[in-house]
Amino acid sequence: MYCSRLLKIKLFLNVLSEKRIQAGDVESENGLPVTLVDARHGLDVRFFCVSHYVENLYTLIRFQSSRISETKADNGALNMSDQGRAVIDADGLILGRMASLIAKRLLEGERIEIVNAENAVVSGKRLQIINARKDFLNVGGRTKKGPFHHRRPNDIVRRTIRGMLPYRKTRGSDAFRRLKVHIGVPQELESSEKVSLSEAHLSRLNHRYITVGEIAKSIGWKV
C-alpha cells in the first residue's frame, strides 16, 4: 500500500519537474533546488528535496518487501519439508490435555497425524458425559453455520483441537490444516513410528473416564 502511494508521488514529482521553469531558485546545501515554479499554473512549489527523499524511500520499501516475501517463502518450505510429520497414538490419552499439547505444536508449524482417535478418553462420570452429549444434540441452529453435531470419534477429536486454536485467524486456520485424525491406524501409517504423550497419559487420572469411541456410539456413530 505504502509502496503504491510513494510511486504515485514519485510520478507526480517527475511530471511536475518537467513542466516547471526556474525563477529565482534557491539552492540548498546539497545543491538541489528548493523553490520551483510550475509553468502552467504559476504555483510556487517548495520541494525541500522531497523528490530525492521519495526516490530513496521508495527503493528501500521495495527492497524490504522483497526480503519479507523471501523470508515467508523460506519459512513455509521449512515447515513443510524439514520438520516433517509426527504420528501420535491417541490410545489411552486424555482428550483435553492431548488437544492442548497438539494445538501448541500445530501453531509452531508441525504437521501431525493422530491415530486410534476412538481410544482417547474423557475424564468424568460415564452417564453424566453421555447425557450432556445427548442434550447438546437438541441444540439447533442454522443449517450452514451450525452448531454441527459430530458423531464420529475422529471428528470429535478434531473439533476439540480446533477449539484450542485461533481458527478464525490465518495463523490458526493454517495450523488446523496441518492436522489429520484417523480412526484406528490407516494402512499407509502402519509402518510409521508412533509416539505417545506422557503429559496426557491415562495413568495421571485418579477417577473414572469414558472413551471417545463409547461417546460416539452413544450419540449415533455407526461402526
C-alpha atoms as a PDB file:
ATOM      1  CA  MET A   1       0.000   0.000   0.000  1.00  0.00           C
ATOM      2  CA  TYR A   2       2.746   2.459   1.004  1.00  0.00           C
ATOM      3  CA  CYS A   3       4.819   1.424  -1.997  1.00  0.00           C
ATOM      4  CA  SER A   4       1.998   2.288  -4.419  1.00  0.00           C
ATOM      5  CA  ARG A   5       1.404   5.667  -2.756  1.00  0.00           C
ATOM      6  CA  LEU A   6       5.085   6.557  -2.964  1.00  0.00           C
ATOM      7  CA  LEU A   7       5.086   5.524  -6.614  1.00  0.00           C
ATOM      8  CA  LYS A   8       2.233   7.962  -7.306  1.00  0.00           C
ATOM      9  CA  ILE A   9       4.089  10.768  -5.521  1.00  0.00           C
ATOM     10  CA  LYS A  10       7.220   9.917  -7.465  1.00  0.00           C
ATOM     11  CA  LEU A  11       5.400  10.092 -10.813  1.00  0.00           C
ATOM     12  CA  PHE A  12       3.714  13.374  -9.794  1.00  0.00           C
ATOM     13  CA  LEU A  13       7.058  14.955  -8.958  1.00  0.00           C
ATOM     14  CA  ASN A  14       8.553  13.785 -12.247  1.00  0.00           C
ATOM     15  CA  VAL A  15       5.680  15.286 -14.247  1.00  0.00           C
ATOM     16  CA  LEU A  16       5.821  18.485 -12.227  1.00  0.00           C
ATOM     17  CA  SER A  17       9.562  18.834 -12.704  1.00  0.00           C
ATOM     18  CA  GLU A  18       9.150  18.542 -16.500  1.00  0.00           C
ATOM     19  CA  LYS A  19       6.628  21.427 -16.582  1.00  0.00           C
ATOM     20  CA  ARG A  20       8.425  23.819 -14.274  1.00  0.00           C
ATOM     21  CA  ILE A  21      10.583  26.818 -15.101  1.00  0.00           C
ATOM     22  CA  GLN A  22      13.218  28.048 -12.737  1.00  0.00           C
ATOM     23  CA  ALA A  23      12.528  31.533 -11.386  1.00  0.00           C
ATOM     24  CA  GLY A  24      14.964  32.673  -8.759  1.00  0.00           C
ATOM     25  CA  ASP A  25      15.608  29.161  -7.478  1.00  0.00           C
ATOM     26  CA  VAL A  26      17.202  28.962  -4.084  1.00  0.00           C
ATOM     27  CA  GLU A  27      19.673  26.123  -3.758  1.00  0.00           C
ATOM     28  CA  SER A  28      20.013  24.063  -0.603  1.00  0.00           C
ATOM     29  CA  GLU A  29      23.287  22.946   0.903  1.00  0.00           C
ATOM     30  CA  ASN A  30      23.493  19.836  -1.283  1.00  0.00           C
ATOM     31  CA  GLY A  31      22.811  21.795  -4.475  1.00  0.00           C
ATOM     32  CA  LEU A  32      19.201  20.685  -5.027  1.00  0.00           C
ATOM     33  CA  PRO A  33      16.550  23.315  -5.907  1.00  0.00           C
ATOM     34  CA  VAL A  34      14.258  24.390  -3.078  1.00  0.00           C
ATOM     35  CA  THR A  35      11.803  26.783  -4.734  1.00  0.00           C
ATOM     36  CA  LEU A  36      10.407  25.921  -8.167  1.00  0.00           C
ATOM     37  CA  VAL A  37       7.575  27.478 -10.129  1.00  0.00           C
ATOM     38  CA  ASP A  38       5.071  25.435 -12.140  1.00  0.00           C
ATOM     39  CA  ALA A  39       4.964  26.675 -15.738  1.00  0.00           C
ATOM     40  CA  ARG A  40       1.264  26.078 -16.338  1.00  0.00           C
ATOM     41  CA  HIS A  41      -0.344  27.268 -13.095  1.00  0.00           C
ATOM     42  CA  GLY A  42       2.343  29.581 -11.800  1.00  0.00           C
ATOM     43  CA  LEU A  43       2.209  27.881  -8.412  1.00  0.00           C
ATOM     44  CA  ASP A  44       5.162  28.170  -6.101  1.00  0.00           C
ATOM     45  CA  VAL A  45       6.041  24.609  -5.128  1.00  0.00           C
ATOM     46  CA  ARG A  46       8.521  24.140  -2.359  1.00  0.00           C
ATOM     47  CA  PHE A  47      10.113  20.739  -2.707  1.00  0.00           C
ATOM     48  CA  PHE A  48      12.636  20.786   0.127  1.00  0.00           C
ATOM     49  CA  CYS A  49      14.384  17.802  -1.501  1.00  0.00           C
ATOM     50  CA  VAL A  50      11.142  15.753  -1.426  1.00  0.00           C
ATOM     51  CA  SER A  51      11.825  14.193  -4.803  1.00  0.00           C
ATOM     52  CA  HIS A  52      15.194  12.831  -3.713  1.00  0.00           C
ATOM     53  CA  TYR A  53      13.753  11.626  -0.400  1.00  0.00           C
ATOM     54  CA  VAL A  54      10.779   9.855  -2.040  1.00  0.00           C
ATOM     55  CA  GLU A  55      13.079   8.138  -4.525  1.00  0.00           C
ATOM     56  CA  ASN A  56      15.245   6.653  -1.752  1.00  0.00           C
ATOM     57  CA  LEU A  57      12.269   5.707   0.424  1.00  0.00           C
ATOM     58  CA  TYR A  58      10.504   4.022  -2.483  1.00  0.00           C
ATOM     59  CA  THR A  59      13.597   1.938  -3.259  1.00  0.00           C
ATOM     60  CA  LEU A  60      14.023   0.984   0.417  1.00  0.00           C
ATOM     61  CA  ILE A  61      10.406  -0.177   0.832  1.00  0.00           C
ATOM     62  CA  ARG A  62      10.563  -2.272  -2.343  1.00  0.00           C
ATOM     63  CA  PHE A  63      13.759  -3.913  -1.074  1.00  0.00           C
ATOM     64  CA  GLN A  64      12.268  -4.651   2.365  1.00  0.00           C
ATOM     65  CA  SER A  65       9.071  -6.052   0.803  1.00  0.00           C
ATOM     66  CA  SER A  66      11.062  -8.439  -1.371  1.00  0.00           C
ATOM     67  CA  ARG A  67      13.059  -9.638   1.641  1.00  0.00           C
ATOM     68  CA  ILE A  68       9.892 -10.241   3.678  1.00  0.00           C
ATOM     69  CA  SER A  69       8.376 -12.261   0.824  1.00  0.00           C
ATOM     70  CA  GLU A  70      11.525 -14.372   0.533  1.00  0.00           C
ATOM     71  CA  THR A  71      11.565 -14.970   4.304  1.00  0.00           C
ATOM     72  CA  LYS A  72       7.925 -16.124   4.335  1.00  0.00           C
ATOM     73  CA  ALA A  73       8.595 -18.488   1.435  1.00  0.00           C
ATOM     74  CA  ASP A  74      11.637 -19.945   3.191  1.00  0.00           C
ATOM     75  CA  ASN A  75       9.697 -20.432   6.446  1.00  0.00           C
ATOM     76  CA  GLY A  76       6.853 -22.148   4.605  1.00  0.00           C
ATOM     77  CA  ALA A  77       9.277 -24.510   2.897  1.00  0.00           C
ATOM     78  CA  LEU A  78      10.924 -25.272   6.237  1.00  0.00           C
ATOM     79  CA  ASN A  79       7.613 -26.095   7.897  1.00  0.00           C
ATOM     80  CA  MET A  80       6.532 -28.424   5.108  1.00  0.00           C
ATOM     81  CA  SER A  81       9.812 -30.247   4.458  1.00  0.00           C
ATOM     82  CA  ASP A  82      12.348 -30.052   7.289  1.00  0.00           C
ATOM     83  CA  GLN A  83      10.008 -30.514  10.216  1.00  0.00           C
ATOM     84  CA  GLY A  84       8.272 -33.474   8.581  1.00  0.00           C
ATOM     85  CA  ARG A  85       5.304 -35.224  10.152  1.00  0.00           C
ATOM     86  CA  ALA A  86       4.604 -36.625  13.623  1.00  0.00           C
ATOM     87  CA  VAL A  87       2.253 -39.566  14.169  1.00  0.00           C
ATOM     88  CA  ILE A  88       0.653 -39.579  17.626  1.00  0.00           C
ATOM     89  CA  ASP A  89      -1.137 -42.595  19.061  1.00  0.00           C
ATOM     90  CA  ALA A  90      -4.183 -41.369  20.999  1.00  0.00           C
ATOM     91  CA  ASP A  91      -4.686 -44.720  22.742  1.00  0.00           C
ATOM     92  CA  GLY A  92      -5.004 -44.032  26.471  1.00  0.00           C
ATOM     93  CA  LEU A  93      -4.526 -40.256  26.178  1.00  0.00           C
ATOM     94  CA  ILE A  94      -6.750 -37.742  27.967  1.00  0.00           C
ATOM     95  CA  LEU A  95      -8.589 -35.808  25.263  1.00  0.00           C
ATOM     96  CA  GLY A  96      -8.357 -32.285  26.704  1.00  0.00           C
ATOM     97  CA  ARG A  97      -4.681 -32.451  27.666  1.00  0.00           C
ATOM     98  CA  MET A  98      -3.753 -34.125  24.403  1.00  0.00           C
ATOM     99  CA  ALA A  99      -5.626 -31.461  22.429  1.00  0.00           C
ATOM    100  CA  SER A 100      -3.843 -28.582  24.177  1.00  0.00           C
ATOM    101  CA  LEU A 101      -0.398 -30.079  23.580  1.00  0.00           C
ATOM    102  CA  ILE A 102      -1.110 -30.836  19.933  1.00  0.00           C
ATOM    103  CA  ALA A 103      -2.599 -27.373  19.324  1.00  0.00           C
ATOM    104  CA  LYS A 104       0.620 -25.771  20.568  1.00  0.00           C
ATOM    105  CA  ARG A 105       2.732 -27.923  18.251  1.00  0.00           C
ATOM    106  CA  LEU A 106       0.480 -27.161  15.288  1.00  0.00           C
ATOM    107  CA  LEU A 107       0.900 -23.423  15.862  1.00  0.00           C
ATOM    108  CA  GLU A 108       4.661 -23.938  15.808  1.00  0.00           C
ATOM    109  CA  GLY A 109       4.393 -25.270  12.256  1.00  0.00           C
ATOM    110  CA  GLU A 110       4.445 -29.028  12.825  1.00  0.00           C
ATOM    111  CA  ARG A 111       2.308 -31.430  10.799  1.00  0.00           C
ATOM    112  CA  ILE A 112       0.568 -34.018  12.982  1.00  0.00           C
ATOM    113  CA  GLU A 113      -1.497 -37.111  12.315  1.00  0.00           C
ATOM    114  CA  ILE A 114      -3.428 -38.786  15.137  1.00  0.00           C
ATOM    115  CA  VAL A 115      -4.298 -42.481  15.042  1.00  0.00           C
ATOM    116  CA  ASN A 116      -6.647 -44.523  17.267  1.00  0.00           C
ATOM    117  CA  ALA A 117      -8.782 -41.466  17.950  1.00  0.00           C
ATOM    118  CA  GLU A 118     -11.594 -43.663  19.318  1.00  0.00           C
ATOM    119  CA  ASN A 119      -9.333 -44.806  22.193  1.00  0.00           C
ATOM    120  CA  ALA A 120      -8.770 -41.321  23.621  1.00  0.00           C
ATOM    121  CA  VAL A 121     -10.505 -40.841  26.966  1.00  0.00           C
ATOM    122  CA  VAL A 122     -12.621 -38.161  28.613  1.00  0.00           C
ATOM    123  CA  SER A 123     -12.473 -37.912  32.385  1.00  0.00           C
ATOM    124  CA  GLY A 124     -15.725 -37.892  34.345  1.00  0.00           C
ATOM    125  CA  LYS A 125     -18.771 -39.992  35.107  1.00  0.00           C
ATOM    126  CA  ARG A 126     -19.918 -42.094  32.181  1.00  0.00           C
ATOM    127  CA  LEU A 127     -23.660 -41.329  32.309  1.00  0.00           C
ATOM    128  CA  GLN A 128     -23.102 -37.657  33.018  1.00  0.00           C
ATOM    129  CA  ILE A 129     -20.898 -37.237  29.935  1.00  0.00           C
ATOM    130  CA  ILE A 130     -23.247 -39.205  27.684  1.00  0.00           C
ATOM    131  CA  ASN A 131     -26.307 -37.278  28.850  1.00  0.00           C
ATOM    132  CA  ALA A 132     -24.513 -33.968  28.260  1.00  0.00           C
ATOM    133  CA  ARG A 133     -23.685 -35.041  24.703  1.00  0.00           C
ATOM    134  CA  LYS A 134     -27.250 -36.128  24.033  1.00  0.00           C
ATOM    135  CA  ASP A 135     -28.590 -32.847  25.371  1.00  0.00           C
ATOM    136  CA  PHE A 136     -26.286 -30.987  23.001  1.00  0.00           C
ATOM    137  CA  LEU A 137     -27.864 -32.859  20.082  1.00  0.00           C
ATOM    138  CA  ASN A 138     -31.099 -30.989  20.825  1.00  0.00           C
ATOM    139  CA  VAL A 139     -29.397 -27.643  20.313  1.00  0.00           C
ATOM    140  CA  GLY A 140     -30.491 -26.422  16.895  1.00  0.00           C
ATOM    141  CA  GLY A 141     -29.042 -23.765  14.706  1.00  0.00           C
ATOM    142  CA  ARG A 142     -28.656 -22.535  11.175  1.00  0.00           C
ATOM    143  CA  THR A 143     -28.072 -25.252   8.618  1.00  0.00           C
ATOM    144  CA  LYS A 144     -24.890 -23.685   7.227  1.00  0.00           C
ATOM    145  CA  LYS A 145     -23.489 -22.132  10.388  1.00  0.00           C
ATOM    146  CA  GLY A 146     -24.170 -24.846  12.947  1.00  0.00           C
ATOM    147  CA  PRO A 147     -23.771 -25.949  15.565  1.00  0.00           C
ATOM    148  CA  PHE A 148     -22.764 -29.168  13.849  1.00  0.00           C
ATOM    149  CA  HIS A 149     -23.089 -32.395  15.823  1.00  0.00           C
ATOM    150  CA  HIS A 150     -20.144 -34.671  15.123  1.00  0.00           C
ATOM    151  CA  ARG A 151     -20.699 -38.340  15.842  1.00  0.00           C
ATOM    152  CA  ARG A 152     -17.519 -39.944  14.526  1.00  0.00           C
ATOM    153  CA  PRO A 153     -14.603 -40.217  17.001  1.00  0.00           C
ATOM    154  CA  ASN A 154     -12.084 -38.598  14.645  1.00  0.00           C
ATOM    155  CA  ASP A 155     -14.421 -35.624  14.094  1.00  0.00           C
ATOM    156  CA  ILE A 156     -14.921 -35.244  17.848  1.00  0.00           C
ATOM    157  CA  VAL A 157     -11.159 -35.160  18.417  1.00  0.00           C
ATOM    158  CA  ARG A 158     -10.622 -32.703  15.548  1.00  0.00           C
ATOM    159  CA  ARG A 159     -13.334 -30.413  16.896  1.00  0.00           C
ATOM    160  CA  THR A 160     -11.763 -30.473  20.360  1.00  0.00           C
ATOM    161  CA  ILE A 161      -8.354 -29.481  18.998  1.00  0.00           C
ATOM    162  CA  ARG A 162      -9.891 -26.777  16.808  1.00  0.00           C
ATOM    163  CA  GLY A 163     -11.421 -25.215  19.910  1.00  0.00           C
ATOM    164  CA  MET A 164      -7.888 -24.619  21.228  1.00  0.00           C
ATOM    165  CA  LEU A 165      -6.709 -22.866  18.065  1.00  0.00           C
ATOM    166  CA  PRO A 166      -7.433 -19.318  16.848  1.00  0.00           C
ATOM    167  CA  TYR A 167      -9.024 -20.962  13.810  1.00  0.00           C
ATOM    168  CA  ARG A 168     -10.819 -17.804  12.652  1.00  0.00           C
ATOM    169  CA  LYS A 169      -7.444 -16.178  12.011  1.00  0.00           C
ATOM    170  CA  THR A 170      -4.976 -17.100   9.278  1.00  0.00           C
ATOM    171  CA  ARG A 171      -2.425 -18.486  11.725  1.00  0.00           C
ATOM    172  CA  GLY A 172      -4.974 -20.775  13.364  1.00  0.00           C
ATOM    173  CA  SER A 173      -6.609 -21.947  10.138  1.00  0.00           C
ATOM    174  CA  ASP A 174      -3.206 -22.796   8.634  1.00  0.00           C
ATOM    175  CA  ALA A 175      -2.337 -24.766  11.769  1.00  0.00           C
ATOM    176  CA  PHE A 176      -5.649 -26.639  11.642  1.00  0.00           C
ATOM    177  CA  ARG A 177      -4.955 -27.702   8.045  1.00  0.00           C
ATOM    178  CA  ARG A 178      -1.782 -29.418   9.239  1.00  0.00           C
ATOM    179  CA  LEU A 179      -3.839 -31.796  11.404  1.00  0.00           C
ATOM    180  CA  LYS A 180      -5.244 -35.180  10.381  1.00  0.00           C
ATOM    181  CA  VAL A 181      -7.149 -37.538  12.677  1.00  0.00           C
ATOM    182  CA  HIS A 182      -7.846 -41.206  11.928  1.00  0.00           C
ATOM    183  CA  ILE A 183      -9.993 -43.947  13.392  1.00  0.00           C
ATOM    184  CA  GLY A 184      -7.687 -46.873  14.043  1.00  0.00           C
ATOM    185  CA  VAL A 185      -4.418 -46.975  12.095  1.00  0.00           C
ATOM    186  CA  PRO A 186      -4.640 -46.451   8.321  1.00  0.00           C
ATOM    187  CA  GLN A 187      -2.598 -48.716   6.113  1.00  0.00           C
ATOM    188  CA  GLU A 188      -0.203 -46.004   4.978  1.00  0.00           C
ATOM    189  CA  LEU A 189       0.765 -45.266   8.605  1.00  0.00           C
ATOM    190  CA  GLU A 190       1.251 -48.815   9.837  1.00  0.00           C
ATOM    191  CA  SER A 191       4.999 -48.677   9.265  1.00  0.00           C
ATOM    192  CA  SER A 192       5.394 -45.148  10.660  1.00  0.00           C
ATOM    193  CA  GLU A 193       6.842 -44.543  14.092  1.00  0.00           C
ATOM    194  CA  LYS A 194       4.096 -43.676  16.567  1.00  0.00           C
ATOM    195  CA  VAL A 195       4.661 -41.646  19.707  1.00  0.00           C
ATOM    196  CA  SER A 196       2.570 -41.023  22.806  1.00  0.00           C
ATOM    197  CA  LEU A 197       2.272 -38.014  25.105  1.00  0.00           C
ATOM    198  CA  SER A 198       3.293 -38.825  28.654  1.00  0.00           C
ATOM    199  CA  GLU A 199       1.908 -35.495  29.922  1.00  0.00           C
ATOM    200  CA  ALA A 200      -1.589 -36.533  28.800  1.00  0.00           C
ATOM    201  CA  HIS A 201      -1.495 -40.254  29.623  1.00  0.00           C
ATOM    202  CA  LEU A 202      -4.347 -42.030  31.352  1.00  0.00           C
ATOM    203  CA  SER A 203      -2.098 -43.006  34.262  1.00  0.00           C
ATOM    204  CA  ARG A 204      -2.417 -39.444  35.583  1.00  0.00           C
ATOM    205  CA  LEU A 205      -6.144 -39.906  36.231  1.00  0.00           C
ATOM    206  CA  ASN A 206      -7.396 -40.979  39.644  1.00  0.00           C
ATOM    207  CA  HIS A 207     -11.103 -41.206  38.802  1.00  0.00           C
ATOM    208  CA  ARG A 208     -13.492 -42.587  36.210  1.00  0.00           C
ATOM    209  CA  TYR A 209     -13.396 -41.975  32.488  1.00  0.00           C
ATOM    210  CA  ILE A 210     -15.021 -42.928  29.195  1.00  0.00           C
ATOM    211  CA  THR A 211     -13.501 -43.389  25.753  1.00  0.00           C
ATOM    212  CA  VAL A 212     -14.329 -41.193  22.780  1.00  0.00           C
ATOM    213  CA  GLY A 213     -15.488 -44.293  20.909  1.00  0.00           C
ATOM    214  CA  GLU A 214     -18.091 -45.056  23.576  1.00  0.00           C
ATOM    215  CA  ILE A 215     -19.313 -41.456  23.484  1.00  0.00           C
ATOM    216  CA  ALA A 216     -19.608 -41.622  19.690  1.00  0.00           C
ATOM    217  CA  LYS A 217     -21.630 -44.852  19.807  1.00  0.00           C
ATOM    218  CA  SER A 218     -23.997 -43.415  22.393  1.00  0.00           C
ATOM    219  CA  ILE A 219     -24.872 -40.429  20.173  1.00  0.00           C
ATOM    220  CA  GLY A 220     -25.349 -42.354  16.927  1.00  0.00           C
ATOM    221  CA  TRP A 221     -21.988 -43.368  15.464  1.00  0.00           C
ATOM    222  CA  LYS A 222     -22.387 -46.488  13.378  1.00  0.00           C
ATOM    223  CA  VAL A 223     -19.180 -48.505  13.229  1.00  0.00           C
END
